[in-house]
Amino acid sequence: MVIGNFISALSLFECSVSQLTDMNEQEEVLLEQFVTLPQLKQVITDRDELVKSIEELAKKNLLLEPSLEAKRQTVLDKYEQLTQMKAAFEKKMQRQHELSESCSPSALQARLK
């Protein structure tokens, strides 16, 4: 572990070629050095925080699902009601048009004759 301690004391940039070759041949030392890098620790911490954040967001979404489904059903009900009201309105407009034509001056004049 002399090399491991040496690596801790010096950055990889300060190592000689022979030291780097020795580290490369001792995979466990290289792996130990890699695992202790602050950048790797930060990446792992960031990943764990991101996973936790995603899980919390997913839980919130699941809690909102019943409310969303109820609102969706309300919208569907209102759309059905709108469709029925539109059909009734068109029927009444047709009836109004028929009555309007029967009371037109030419229709009244024809009936009077």
PDB file of N, CA and C in Angstrom:
ATOM      1  N   MET A   1       0.812  -1.211   0.000  1.00  0.00           N
ATOM      2  CA  MET A   1       0.000   0.000   0.000  1.00  0.00           C
ATOM      3  C   MET A   1       0.852   1.271   0.000  1.00  0.00           C
ATOM      4  N   VAL A   2       2.134   1.111  -0.170  1.00  0.00           N
ATOM      5  CA  VAL A   2       3.023   2.267  -0.244  1.00  0.00           C
ATOM      6  C   VAL A   2       2.634   3.138  -1.427  1.00  0.00           C
ATOM      7  N   ILE A   3       2.314   2.487  -2.543  1.00  0.00           N
ATOM      8  CA  ILE A   3       1.920   3.245  -3.731  1.00  0.00           C
ATOM      9  C   ILE A   3       0.599   3.956  -3.467  1.00  0.00           C
ATOM     10  N   GLY A   4      -0.335   3.285  -2.785  1.00  0.00           N
ATOM     11  CA  GLY A   4      -1.618   3.896  -2.469  1.00  0.00           C
ATOM     12  C   GLY A   4      -1.452   5.143  -1.627  1.00  0.00           C
ATOM     13  N   ASN A   5      -0.583   5.072  -0.622  1.00  0.00           N
ATOM     14  CA  ASN A   5      -0.316   6.250   0.204  1.00  0.00           C
ATOM     15  C   ASN A   5       0.375   7.332  -0.607  1.00  0.00           C
ATOM     16  N   PHE A   6       1.255   6.901  -1.489  1.00  0.00           N
ATOM     17  CA  PHE A   6       1.959   7.856  -2.321  1.00  0.00           C
ATOM     18  C   PHE A   6       0.989   8.587  -3.241  1.00  0.00           C
ATOM     19  N   ILE A   7       0.030   7.842  -3.782  1.00  0.00           N
ATOM     20  CA  ILE A   7      -0.962   8.446  -4.666  1.00  0.00           C
ATOM     21  C   ILE A   7      -1.793   9.460  -3.906  1.00  0.00           C
ATOM     22  N   SER A   8      -2.125   9.119  -2.658  1.00  0.00           N
ATOM     23  CA  SER A   8      -2.916  10.045  -1.861  1.00  0.00           C
ATOM     24  C   SER A   8      -2.155  11.338  -1.637  1.00  0.00           C
ATOM     25  N   ALA A   9      -0.846  11.220  -1.483  1.00  0.00           N
ATOM     26  CA  ALA A   9      -0.046  12.406  -1.199  1.00  0.00           C
ATOM     27  C   ALA A   9       0.174  13.258  -2.448  1.00  0.00           C
ATOM     28  N   LEU A  10       0.219  12.622  -3.592  1.00  0.00           N
ATOM     29  CA  LEU A  10       0.491  13.357  -4.830  1.00  0.00           C
ATOM     30  C   LEU A  10      -0.676  13.188  -5.788  1.00  0.00           C
ATOM     31  N   SER A  11      -0.896  14.138  -6.612  1.00  0.00           N
ATOM     32  CA  SER A  11      -1.905  13.964  -7.654  1.00  0.00           C
ATOM     33  C   SER A  11      -1.309  13.120  -8.768  1.00  0.00           C
ATOM     34  N   LEU A  12      -2.166  12.580  -9.592  1.00  0.00           N
ATOM     35  CA  LEU A  12      -1.690  11.745 -10.694  1.00  0.00           C
ATOM     36  C   LEU A  12      -0.795  12.516 -11.643  1.00  0.00           C
ATOM     37  N   PHE A  13      -1.004  13.812 -11.727  1.00  0.00           N
ATOM     38  CA  PHE A  13      -0.198  14.629 -12.625  1.00  0.00           C
ATOM     39  C   PHE A  13       1.246  14.744 -12.152  1.00  0.00           C
ATOM     40  N   GLU A  14       1.451  14.533 -10.869  1.00  0.00           N
ATOM     41  CA  GLU A  14       2.794  14.662 -10.312  1.00  0.00           C
ATOM     42  C   GLU A  14       3.551  13.344 -10.316  1.00  0.00           C
ATOM     43  N   CYS A  15       2.906  12.246 -10.718  1.00  0.00           N
ATOM     44  CA  CYS A  15       3.545  10.929 -10.723  1.00  0.00           C
ATOM     45  C   CYS A  15       4.435  10.765 -11.964  1.00  0.00           C
ATOM     46  N   SER A  16       5.483   9.998 -11.783  1.00  0.00           N
ATOM     47  CA  SER A  16       6.351   9.686 -12.922  1.00  0.00           C
ATOM     48  C   SER A  16       5.721   8.577 -13.741  1.00  0.00           C
ATOM     49  N   VAL A  17       6.290   8.338 -14.900  1.00  0.00           N
ATOM     50  CA  VAL A  17       5.784   7.294 -15.789  1.00  0.00           C
ATOM     51  C   VAL A  17       5.920   5.937 -15.106  1.00  0.00           C
ATOM     52  N   SER A  18       7.027   5.705 -14.439  1.00  0.00           N
ATOM     53  CA  SER A  18       7.220   4.407 -13.771  1.00  0.00           C
ATOM     54  C   SER A  18       6.221   4.234 -12.628  1.00  0.00           C
ATOM     55  N   GLN A  19       5.913   5.298 -11.907  1.00  0.00           N
ATOM     56  CA  GLN A  19       4.916   5.217 -10.835  1.00  0.00           C
ATOM     57  C   GLN A  19       3.536   4.924 -11.418  1.00  0.00           C
ATOM     58  N   LEU A  20       3.207   5.583 -12.504  1.00  0.00           N
ATOM     59  CA  LEU A  20       1.914   5.348 -13.149  1.00  0.00           C
ATOM     60  C   LEU A  20       1.831   3.928 -13.695  1.00  0.00           C
ATOM     61  N   THR A  21       2.936   3.421 -14.233  1.00  0.00           N
ATOM     62  CA  THR A  21       2.976   2.046 -14.729  1.00  0.00           C
ATOM     63  C   THR A  21       2.775   1.064 -13.580  1.00  0.00           C
ATOM     64  N   ASP A  22       3.428   1.325 -12.449  1.00  0.00           N
ATOM     65  CA  ASP A  22       3.251   0.465 -11.265  1.00  0.00           C
ATOM     66  C   ASP A  22       1.798   0.473 -10.811  1.00  0.00           C
ATOM     67  N   MET A  23       1.183   1.642 -10.796  1.00  0.00           N
ATOM     68  CA  MET A  23      -0.230   1.736 -10.383  1.00  0.00           C
ATOM     69  C   MET A  23      -1.117   0.971 -11.358  1.00  0.00           C
ATOM     70  N   ASN A  24      -0.819   1.071 -12.627  1.00  0.00           N
ATOM     71  CA  ASN A  24      -1.619   0.394 -13.644  1.00  0.00           C
ATOM     72  C   ASN A  24      -1.537  -1.121 -13.486  1.00  0.00           C
ATOM     73  N   GLU A  25      -0.383  -1.609 -13.055  1.00  0.00           N
ATOM     74  CA  GLU A  25      -0.205  -3.048 -12.859  1.00  0.00           C
ATOM     75  C   GLU A  25      -0.899  -3.535 -11.590  1.00  0.00           C
ATOM     76  N   GLN A  26      -1.118  -2.654 -10.653  1.00  0.00           N
ATOM     77  CA  GLN A  26      -1.797  -3.024  -9.397  1.00  0.00           C
ATOM     78  C   GLN A  26      -3.218  -2.455  -9.452  1.00  0.00           C
ATOM     79  N   GLU A  27      -4.097  -3.249 -10.026  1.00  0.00           N
ATOM     80  CA  GLU A  27      -5.463  -2.802 -10.310  1.00  0.00           C
ATOM     81  C   GLU A  27      -6.207  -2.349  -9.051  1.00  0.00           C
ATOM     82  N   GLU A  28      -6.014  -3.056  -7.949  1.00  0.00           N
ATOM     83  CA  GLU A  28      -6.732  -2.690  -6.722  1.00  0.00           C
ATOM     84  C   GLU A  28      -6.307  -1.322  -6.206  1.00  0.00           C
ATOM     85  N   VAL A  29      -5.048  -0.966  -6.378  1.00  0.00           N
ATOM     86  CA  VAL A  29      -4.559   0.347  -5.952  1.00  0.00           C
ATOM     87  C   VAL A  29      -5.180   1.425  -6.838  1.00  0.00           C
ATOM     88  N   LEU A  30      -5.202   1.157  -8.131  1.00  0.00           N
ATOM     89  CA  LEU A  30      -5.785   2.105  -9.068  1.00  0.00           C
ATOM     90  C   LEU A  30      -7.271   2.294  -8.796  1.00  0.00           C
ATOM     91  N   LEU A  31      -7.948   1.180  -8.538  1.00  0.00           N
ATOM     92  CA  LEU A  31      -9.374   1.242  -8.235  1.00  0.00           C
ATOM     93  C   LEU A  31      -9.627   2.006  -6.943  1.00  0.00           C
ATOM     94  N   GLU A  32      -8.790   1.769  -5.941  1.00  0.00           N
ATOM     95  CA  GLU A  32      -8.923   2.488  -4.664  1.00  0.00           C
ATOM     96  C   GLU A  32      -8.748   3.987  -4.869  1.00  0.00           C
ATOM     97  N   GLN A  33      -7.775   4.344  -5.689  1.00  0.00           N
ATOM     98  CA  GLN A  33      -7.541   5.761  -5.971  1.00  0.00           C
ATOM     99  C   GLN A  33      -8.730   6.366  -6.697  1.00  0.00           C
ATOM    100  N   PHE A  34      -9.257   5.615  -7.641  1.00  0.00           N
ATOM    101  CA  PHE A  34     -10.402   6.099  -8.410  1.00  0.00           C
ATOM    102  C   PHE A  34     -11.618   6.311  -7.515  1.00  0.00           C
ATOM    103  N   VAL A  35     -11.861   5.377  -6.622  1.00  0.00           N
ATOM    104  CA  VAL A  35     -13.031   5.449  -5.738  1.00  0.00           C
ATOM    105  C   VAL A  35     -12.934   6.627  -4.777  1.00  0.00           C
ATOM    106  N   THR A  36     -11.736   7.023  -4.425  1.00  0.00           N
ATOM    107  CA  THR A  36     -11.576   8.125  -3.475  1.00  0.00           C
ATOM    108  C   THR A  36     -11.554   9.502  -4.131  1.00  0.00           C
ATOM    109  N   LEU A  37     -11.676   9.555  -5.450  1.00  0.00           N
ATOM    110  CA  LEU A  37     -11.685  10.853  -6.129  1.00  0.00           C
ATOM    111  C   LEU A  37     -12.889  11.677  -5.682  1.00  0.00           C
ATOM    112  N   PRO A  38     -12.698  12.937  -5.338  1.00  0.00           N
ATOM    113  CA  PRO A  38     -13.818  13.785  -4.908  1.00  0.00           C
ATOM    114  C   PRO A  38     -14.867  13.964  -6.008  1.00  0.00           C
ATOM    115  N   GLN A  39     -14.430  13.979  -7.262  1.00  0.00           N
ATOM    116  CA  GLN A  39     -15.372  14.135  -8.364  1.00  0.00           C
ATOM    117  C   GLN A  39     -16.325  12.945  -8.427  1.00  0.00           C
ATOM    118  N   LEU A  40     -15.793  11.735  -8.216  1.00  0.00           N
ATOM    119  CA  LEU A  40     -16.638  10.544  -8.240  1.00  0.00           C
ATOM    120  C   LEU A  40     -17.621  10.575  -7.078  1.00  0.00           C
ATOM    121  N   LYS A  41     -17.129  10.983  -5.921  1.00  0.00           N
ATOM    122  CA  LYS A  41     -18.026  11.085  -4.754  1.00  0.00           C
ATOM    123  C   LYS A  41     -19.144  12.089  -5.035  1.00  0.00           C
ATOM    124  N   GLN A  42     -18.800  13.195  -5.696  1.00  0.00           N
ATOM    125  CA  GLN A  42     -19.811  14.202  -6.010  1.00  0.00           C
ATOM    126  C   GLN A  42     -20.815  13.668  -7.021  1.00  0.00           C
ATOM    127  N   VAL A  43     -20.344  12.925  -8.010  1.00  0.00           N
ATOM    128  CA  VAL A  43     -21.244  12.335  -9.006  1.00  0.00           C
ATOM    129  C   VAL A  43     -22.204  11.359  -8.321  1.00  0.00           C
ATOM    130  N   ILE A  44     -21.681  10.550  -7.416  1.00  0.00           N
ATOM    131  CA  ILE A  44     -22.528   9.593  -6.696  1.00  0.00           C
ATOM    132  C   ILE A  44     -23.544  10.324  -5.831  1.00  0.00           C
ATOM    133  N   THR A  45     -23.109  11.366  -5.156  1.00  0.00           N
ATOM    134  CA  THR A  45     -24.021  12.158  -4.326  1.00  0.00           C
ATOM    135  C   THR A  45     -25.100  12.810  -5.183  1.00  0.00           C
ATOM    136  N   ASP A  46     -24.699  13.396  -6.300  1.00  0.00           N
ATOM    137  CA  ASP A  46     -25.668  14.031  -7.202  1.00  0.00           C
ATOM    138  C   ASP A  46     -26.662  13.015  -7.739  1.00  0.00           C
ATOM    139  N   ARG A  47     -26.159  11.833  -8.106  1.00  0.00           N
ATOM    140  CA  ARG A  47     -27.041  10.783  -8.612  1.00  0.00           C
ATOM    141  C   ARG A  47     -28.052  10.359  -7.549  1.00  0.00           C
ATOM    142  N   ASP A  48     -27.586  10.172  -6.320  1.00  0.00           N
ATOM    143  CA  ASP A  48     -28.485   9.765  -5.238  1.00  0.00           C
ATOM    144  C   ASP A  48     -29.550  10.830  -4.967  1.00  0.00           C
ATOM    145  N   GLU A  49     -29.142  12.088  -4.996  1.00  0.00           N
ATOM    146  CA  GLU A  49     -30.103  13.181  -4.801  1.00  0.00           C
ATOM    147  C   GLU A  49     -31.113  13.226  -5.943  1.00  0.00           C
ATOM    148  N   LEU A  50     -30.658  12.999  -7.162  1.00  0.00           N
ATOM    149  CA  LEU A  50     -31.548  13.001  -8.318  1.00  0.00           C
ATOM    150  C   LEU A  50     -32.545  11.849  -8.235  1.00  0.00           C
ATOM    151  N   VAL A  51     -32.076  10.681  -7.851  1.00  0.00           N
ATOM    152  CA  VAL A  51     -32.969   9.526  -7.696  1.00  0.00           C
ATOM    153  C   VAL A  51     -34.015   9.820  -6.620  1.00  0.00           C
ATOM    154  N   LYS A  52     -33.577  10.382  -5.521  1.00  0.00           N
ATOM    155  CA  LYS A  52     -34.504  10.717  -4.430  1.00  0.00           C
ATOM    156  C   LYS A  52     -35.528  11.742  -4.902  1.00  0.00           C
ATOM    157  N   SER A  53     -35.072  12.743  -5.633  1.00  0.00           N
ATOM    158  CA  SER A  53     -35.973  13.773  -6.149  1.00  0.00           C
ATOM    159  C   SER A  53     -36.999  13.177  -7.109  1.00  0.00           C
ATOM    160  N   ILE A  54     -36.555  12.282  -7.979  1.00  0.00           N
ATOM    161  CA  ILE A  54     -37.463  11.645  -8.940  1.00  0.00           C
ATOM    162  C   ILE A  54     -38.492  10.787  -8.210  1.00  0.00           C
ATOM    163  N   GLU A  55     -38.047  10.063  -7.193  1.00  0.00           N
ATOM    164  CA  GLU A  55     -38.976   9.230  -6.419  1.00  0.00           C
ATOM    165  C   GLU A  55     -40.031  10.082  -5.711  1.00  0.00           C
ATOM    166  N   GLU A  56     -39.608  11.205  -5.137  1.00  0.00           N
ATOM    167  CA  GLU A  56     -40.557  12.097  -4.464  1.00  0.00           C
ATOM    168  C   GLU A  56     -41.558  12.668  -5.461  1.00  0.00           C
ATOM    169  N   LEU A  57     -41.083  13.054  -6.625  1.00  0.00           N
ATOM    170  CA  LEU A  57     -41.969  13.590  -7.660  1.00  0.00           C
ATOM    171  C   LEU A  57     -42.961  12.526  -8.128  1.00  0.00           C
ATOM    172  N   ALA A  58     -42.494  11.308  -8.278  1.00  0.00           N
ATOM    173  CA  ALA A  58     -43.381  10.212  -8.692  1.00  0.00           C
ATOM    174  C   ALA A  58     -44.453   9.956  -7.626  1.00  0.00           C
ATOM    175  N   LYS A  59     -44.074  10.006  -6.363  1.00  0.00           N
ATOM    176  CA  LYS A  59     -45.051   9.808  -5.274  1.00  0.00           C
ATOM    177  C   LYS A  59     -46.094  10.919  -5.290  1.00  0.00           C
ATOM    178  N   LYS A  60     -45.662  12.156  -5.499  1.00  0.00           N
ATOM    179  CA  LYS A  60     -46.609  13.276  -5.571  1.00  0.00           C
ATOM    180  C   LYS A  60     -47.560  13.095  -6.748  1.00  0.00           C
ATOM    181  N   ASN A  61     -47.011  12.662  -7.879  1.00  0.00           N
ATOM    182  CA  ASN A  61     -47.851  12.426  -9.056  1.00  0.00           C
ATOM    183  C   ASN A  61     -48.889  11.351  -8.789  1.00  0.00           C
ATOM    184  N   LEU A  62     -48.487  10.300  -8.115  1.00  0.00           N
ATOM    185  CA  LEU A  62     -49.430   9.230  -7.788  1.00  0.00           C
ATOM    186  C   LEU A  62     -50.518   9.721  -6.843  1.00  0.00           C
ATOM    187  N   LEU A  63     -50.169  10.609  -5.923  1.00  0.00           N
ATOM    188  CA  LEU A  63     -51.172  11.163  -5.015  1.00  0.00           C
ATOM    189  C   LEU A  63     -52.165  12.057  -5.754  1.00  0.00           C
ATOM    190  N   LEU A  64     -51.710  12.697  -6.821  1.00  0.00           N
ATOM    191  CA  LEU A  64     -52.580  13.589  -7.590  1.00  0.00           C
ATOM    192  C   LEU A  64     -53.446  12.840  -8.595  1.00  0.00           C
ATOM    193  N   GLU A  65     -53.144  11.588  -8.842  1.00  0.00           N
ATOM    194  CA  GLU A  65     -53.849  10.830  -9.866  1.00  0.00           C
ATOM    195  C   GLU A  65     -55.366  10.740  -9.633  1.00  0.00           C
ATOM    196  N   PRO A  66     -55.848  10.453  -8.413  1.00  0.00           N
ATOM    197  CA  PRO A  66     -57.310  10.388  -8.228  1.00  0.00           C
ATOM    198  C   PRO A  66     -57.997  11.722  -8.527  1.00  0.00           C
ATOM    199  N   SER A  67     -57.378  12.804  -8.105  1.00  0.00           N
ATOM    200  CA  SER A  67     -57.951  14.130  -8.376  1.00  0.00           C
ATOM    201  C   SER A  67     -57.979  14.403  -9.874  1.00  0.00           C
ATOM    202  N   LEU A  68     -56.910  14.060 -10.557  1.00  0.00           N
ATOM    203  CA  LEU A  68     -56.844  14.260 -12.001  1.00  0.00           C
ATOM    204  C   LEU A  68     -57.901  13.418 -12.702  1.00  0.00           C
ATOM    205  N   GLU A  69     -58.075  12.182 -12.265  1.00  0.00           N
ATOM    206  CA  GLU A  69     -59.079  11.310 -12.881  1.00  0.00           C
ATOM    207  C   GLU A  69     -60.491  11.862 -12.650  1.00  0.00           C
ATOM    208  N   ALA A  70     -60.746  12.391 -11.451  1.00  0.00           N
ATOM    209  CA  ALA A  70     -62.061  12.981 -11.163  1.00  0.00           C
ATOM    210  C   ALA A  70     -62.305  14.192 -12.060  1.00  0.00           C
ATOM    211  N   LYS A  71     -61.299  15.026 -12.238  1.00  0.00           N
ATOM    212  CA  LYS A  71     -61.439  16.202 -13.105  1.00  0.00           C
ATOM    213  C   LYS A  71     -61.611  15.786 -14.560  1.00  0.00           C
ATOM    214  N   ARG A  72     -60.920  14.747 -14.962  1.00  0.00           N
ATOM    215  CA  ARG A  72     -61.068  14.234 -16.322  1.00  0.00           C
ATOM    216  C   ARG A  72     -62.506  13.769 -16.555  1.00  0.00           C
ATOM    217  N   GLN A  73     -63.047  13.057 -15.569  1.00  0.00           N
ATOM    218  CA  GLN A  73     -64.422  12.580 -15.699  1.00  0.00           C
ATOM    219  C   GLN A  73     -65.401  13.756 -15.738  1.00  0.00           C
ATOM    220  N   THR A  74     -65.138  14.795 -14.951  1.00  0.00           N
ATOM    221  CA  THR A  74     -65.984  15.988 -14.967  1.00  0.00           C
ATOM    222  C   THR A  74     -65.964  16.638 -16.349  1.00  0.00           C
ATOM    223  N   VAL A  75     -64.799  16.730 -16.951  1.00  0.00           N
ATOM    224  CA  VAL A  75     -64.681  17.312 -18.289  1.00  0.00           C
ATOM    225  C   VAL A  75     -65.462  16.466 -19.301  1.00  0.00           C
ATOM    226  N   LEU A  76     -65.344  15.145 -19.194  1.00  0.00           N
ATOM    227  CA  LEU A  76     -66.084  14.273 -20.110  1.00  0.00           C
ATOM    228  C   LEU A  76     -67.593  14.443 -19.929  1.00  0.00           C
ATOM    229  N   ASP A  77     -68.036  14.552 -18.686  1.00  0.00           N
ATOM    230  CA  ASP A  77     -69.460  14.774 -18.417  1.00  0.00           C
ATOM    231  C   ASP A  77     -69.938  16.104 -18.984  1.00  0.00           C
ATOM    232  N   LYS A  78     -69.135  17.149 -18.791  1.00  0.00           N
ATOM    233  CA  LYS A  78     -69.492  18.469 -19.323  1.00  0.00           C
ATOM    234  C   LYS A  78     -69.519  18.444 -20.851  1.00  0.00           C
ATOM    235  N   TYR A  79     -68.608  17.732 -21.464  1.00  0.00           N
ATOM    236  CA  TYR A  79     -68.590  17.632 -22.916  1.00  0.00           C
ATOM    237  C   TYR A  79     -69.852  16.930 -23.415  1.00  0.00           C
ATOM    238  N   GLU A  80     -70.246  15.866 -22.731  1.00  0.00           N
ATOM    239  CA  GLU A  80     -71.479  15.163 -23.098  1.00  0.00           C
ATOM    240  C   GLU A  80     -72.691  16.087 -22.949  1.00  0.00           C
ATOM    241  N   GLN A  81     -72.710  16.838 -21.857  1.00  0.00           N
ATOM    242  CA  GLN A  81     -73.797  17.795 -21.630  1.00  0.00           C
ATOM    243  C   GLN A  81     -73.809  18.854 -22.731  1.00  0.00           C
ATOM    244  N   LEU A  82     -72.638  19.347 -23.088  1.00  0.00           N
ATOM    245  CA  LEU A  82     -72.524  20.345 -24.160  1.00  0.00           C
ATOM    246  C   LEU A  82     -73.043  19.778 -25.478  1.00  0.00           C
ATOM    247  N   THR A  83     -72.690  18.543 -25.785  1.00  0.00           N
ATOM    248  CA  THR A  83     -73.144  17.910 -27.025  1.00  0.00           C
ATOM    249  C   THR A  83     -74.671  17.823 -27.056  1.00  0.00           C
ATOM    250  N   GLN A  84     -75.251  17.445 -25.939  1.00  0.00           N
ATOM    251  CA  GLN A  84     -76.713  17.346 -25.862  1.00  0.00           C
ATOM    252  C   GLN A  84     -77.367  18.724 -26.001  1.00  0.00           C
ATOM    253  N   MET A  85     -76.795  19.713 -25.331  1.00  0.00           N
ATOM    254  CA  MET A  85     -77.348  21.068 -25.412  1.00  0.00           C
ATOM    255  C   MET A  85     -77.219  21.623 -26.832  1.00  0.00           C
ATOM    256  N   LYS A  86     -76.119  21.325 -27.502  1.00  0.00           N
ATOM    257  CA  LYS A  86     -75.932  21.788 -28.876  1.00  0.00           C
ATOM    258  C   LYS A  86     -76.993  21.169 -29.786  1.00  0.00           C
ATOM    259  N   ALA A  87     -77.246  19.866 -29.608  1.00  0.00           N
ATOM    260  CA  ALA A  87     -78.257  19.197 -30.427  1.00  0.00           C
ATOM    261  C   ALA A  87     -79.636  19.811 -30.171  1.00  0.00           C
ATOM    262  N   ALA A  88     -79.952  20.076 -28.893  1.00  0.00           N
ATOM    263  CA  ALA A  88     -81.243  20.690 -28.556  1.00  0.00           C
ATOM    264  C   ALA A  88     -81.338  22.092 -29.148  1.00  0.00           C
ATOM    265  N   PHE A  89     -80.251  22.853 -29.086  1.00  0.00           N
ATOM    266  CA  PHE A  89     -80.232  24.206 -29.640  1.00  0.00           C
ATOM    267  C   PHE A  89     -80.460  24.170 -31.154  1.00  0.00           C
ATOM    268  N   GLU A  90     -79.774  23.261 -31.842  1.00  0.00           N
ATOM    269  CA  GLU A  90     -79.945  23.166 -33.293  1.00  0.00           C
ATOM    270  C   GLU A  90     -81.375  22.773 -33.659  1.00  0.00           C
ATOM    271  N   LYS A  91     -81.971  21.909 -32.873  1.00  0.00           N
ATOM    272  CA  LYS A  91     -83.357  21.512 -33.119  1.00  0.00           C
ATOM    273  C   LYS A  91     -84.291  22.713 -32.924  1.00  0.00           C
ATOM    274  N   LYS A  92     -84.064  23.480 -31.880  1.00  0.00           N
ATOM    275  CA  LYS A  92     -84.893  24.668 -31.634  1.00  0.00           C
ATOM    276  C   LYS A  92     -84.667  25.730 -32.702  1.00  0.00           C
ATOM    277  N   MET A  93     -83.432  25.862 -33.174  1.00  0.00           N
ATOM    278  CA  MET A  93     -83.157  26.820 -34.247  1.00  0.00           C
ATOM    279  C   MET A  93     -83.884  26.403 -35.531  1.00  0.00           C
ATOM    280  N   GLN A  94     -83.903  25.117 -35.797  1.00  0.00           N
ATOM    281  CA  GLN A  94     -84.621  24.619 -36.969  1.00  0.00           C
ATOM    282  C   GLN A  94     -86.113  24.917 -36.830  1.00  0.00           C
ATOM    283  N   ARG A  95     -86.650  24.662 -35.649  1.00  0.00           N
ATOM    284  CA  ARG A  95     -88.080  24.933 -35.406  1.00  0.00           C
ATOM    285  C   ARG A  95     -88.370  26.423 -35.531  1.00  0.00           C
ATOM    286  N   GLN A  96     -87.499  27.263 -35.003  1.00  0.00           N
ATOM    287  CA  GLN A  96     -87.672  28.721 -35.095  1.00  0.00           C
ATOM    288  C   GLN A  96     -87.635  29.161 -36.551  1.00  0.00           C
ATOM    289  N   HIS A  97     -86.745  28.570 -37.331  1.00  0.00           N
ATOM    290  CA  HIS A  97     -86.661  28.903 -38.744  1.00  0.00           C
ATOM    291  C   HIS A  97     -87.953  28.510 -39.475  1.00  0.00           C
ATOM    292  N   GLU A  98     -88.489  27.336 -39.148  1.00  0.00           N
ATOM    293  CA  GLU A  98     -89.745  26.891 -39.769  1.00  0.00           C
ATOM    294  C   GLU A  98     -90.896  27.831 -39.409  1.00  0.00           C
ATOM    295  N   LEU A  99     -90.939  28.216 -38.113  1.00  0.00           N
ATOM    296  CA  LEU A  99     -92.003  29.134 -37.685  1.00  0.00           C
ATOM    297  C   LEU A  99     -91.826  30.503 -38.328  1.00  0.00           C
ATOM    298  N   SER A 100     -90.593  30.922 -38.451  1.00  0.00           N
ATOM    299  CA  SER A 100     -90.313  32.217 -39.061  1.00  0.00           C
ATOM    300  C   SER A 100     -90.754  32.226 -40.520  1.00  0.00           C
ATOM    301  N   GLU A 101     -90.513  31.149 -41.225  1.00  0.00           N
ATOM    302  CA  GLU A 101     -90.923  31.070 -42.624  1.00  0.00           C
ATOM    303  C   GLU A 101     -92.441  31.034 -42.753  1.00  0.00           C
ATOM    304  N   SER A 102     -93.102  30.362 -41.803  1.00  0.00           N
ATOM    305  CA  SER A 102     -94.566  30.293 -41.896  1.00  0.00           C
ATOM    306  C   SER A 102     -95.218  31.634 -41.573  1.00  0.00           C
ATOM    307  N   CYS A 103     -94.479  32.501 -40.914  1.00  0.00           N
ATOM    308  CA  CYS A 103     -95.028  33.829 -40.588  1.00  0.00           C
ATOM    309  C   CYS A 103     -94.457  34.928 -41.472  1.00  0.00           C
ATOM    310  N   SER A 104     -93.809  34.557 -42.538  1.00  0.00           N
ATOM    311  CA  SER A 104     -93.251  35.563 -43.427  1.00  0.00           C
ATOM    312  C   SER A 104     -94.399  36.265 -44.154  1.00  0.00           C
ATOM    313  N   PRO A 105     -94.184  37.485 -44.607  1.00  0.00           N
ATOM    314  CA  PRO A 105     -95.257  38.203 -45.297  1.00  0.00           C
ATOM    315  C   PRO A 105     -95.810  37.428 -46.493  1.00  0.00           C
ATOM    316  N   SER A 106     -94.995  36.777 -47.238  1.00  0.00           N
ATOM    317  CA  SER A 106     -95.491  36.048 -48.401  1.00  0.00           C
ATOM    318  C   SER A 106     -96.312  34.856 -47.968  1.00  0.00           C
ATOM    319  N   ALA A 107     -95.929  34.175 -46.897  1.00  0.00           N
ATOM    320  CA  ALA A 107     -96.703  33.011 -46.412  1.00  0.00           C
ATOM    321  C   ALA A 107     -98.025  33.472 -45.842  1.00  0.00           C
ATOM    322  N   LEU A 108     -98.036  34.591 -45.109  1.00  0.00           N
ATOM    323  CA  LEU A 108     -99.293  35.126 -44.558  1.00  0.00           C
ATOM    324  C   LEU A 108    -100.220  35.575 -45.688  1.00  0.00           C
ATOM    325  N   GLN A 109     -99.668  36.195 -46.694  1.00  0.00           N
ATOM    326  CA  GLN A 109    -100.473  36.657 -47.825  1.00  0.00           C
ATOM    327  C   GLN A 109    -101.089  35.488 -48.572  1.00  0.00           C
ATOM    328  N   ALA A 110    -100.300  34.402 -48.722  1.00  0.00           N
ATOM    329  CA  ALA A 110    -100.801  33.227 -49.412  1.00  0.00           C
ATOM    330  C   ALA A 110    -101.961  32.602 -48.638  1.00  0.00           C
ATOM    331  N   ARG A 111    -101.872  32.610 -47.322  1.00  0.00           N
ATOM    332  CA  ARG A 111    -102.948  32.029 -46.496  1.00  0.00           C
ATOM    333  C   ARG A 111    -104.200  32.901 -46.536  1.00  0.00           C
ATOM    334  N   LEU A 112    -104.015  34.172 -46.633  1.00  0.00           N
ATOM    335  CA  LEU A 112    -105.164  35.071 -46.668  1.00  0.00           C
ATOM    336  C   LEU A 112    -105.944  34.909 -47.978  1.00  0.00           C
ATOM    337  N   LYS A 113    -105.264  34.556 -49.037  1.00  0.00           N
ATOM    338  CA  LYS A 113    -105.936  34.407 -50.328  1.00  0.00           C
ATOM    339  C   LYS A 113    -106.701  33.148 -50.277  1.00  0.00           C
TER     340      LYS A 113
END
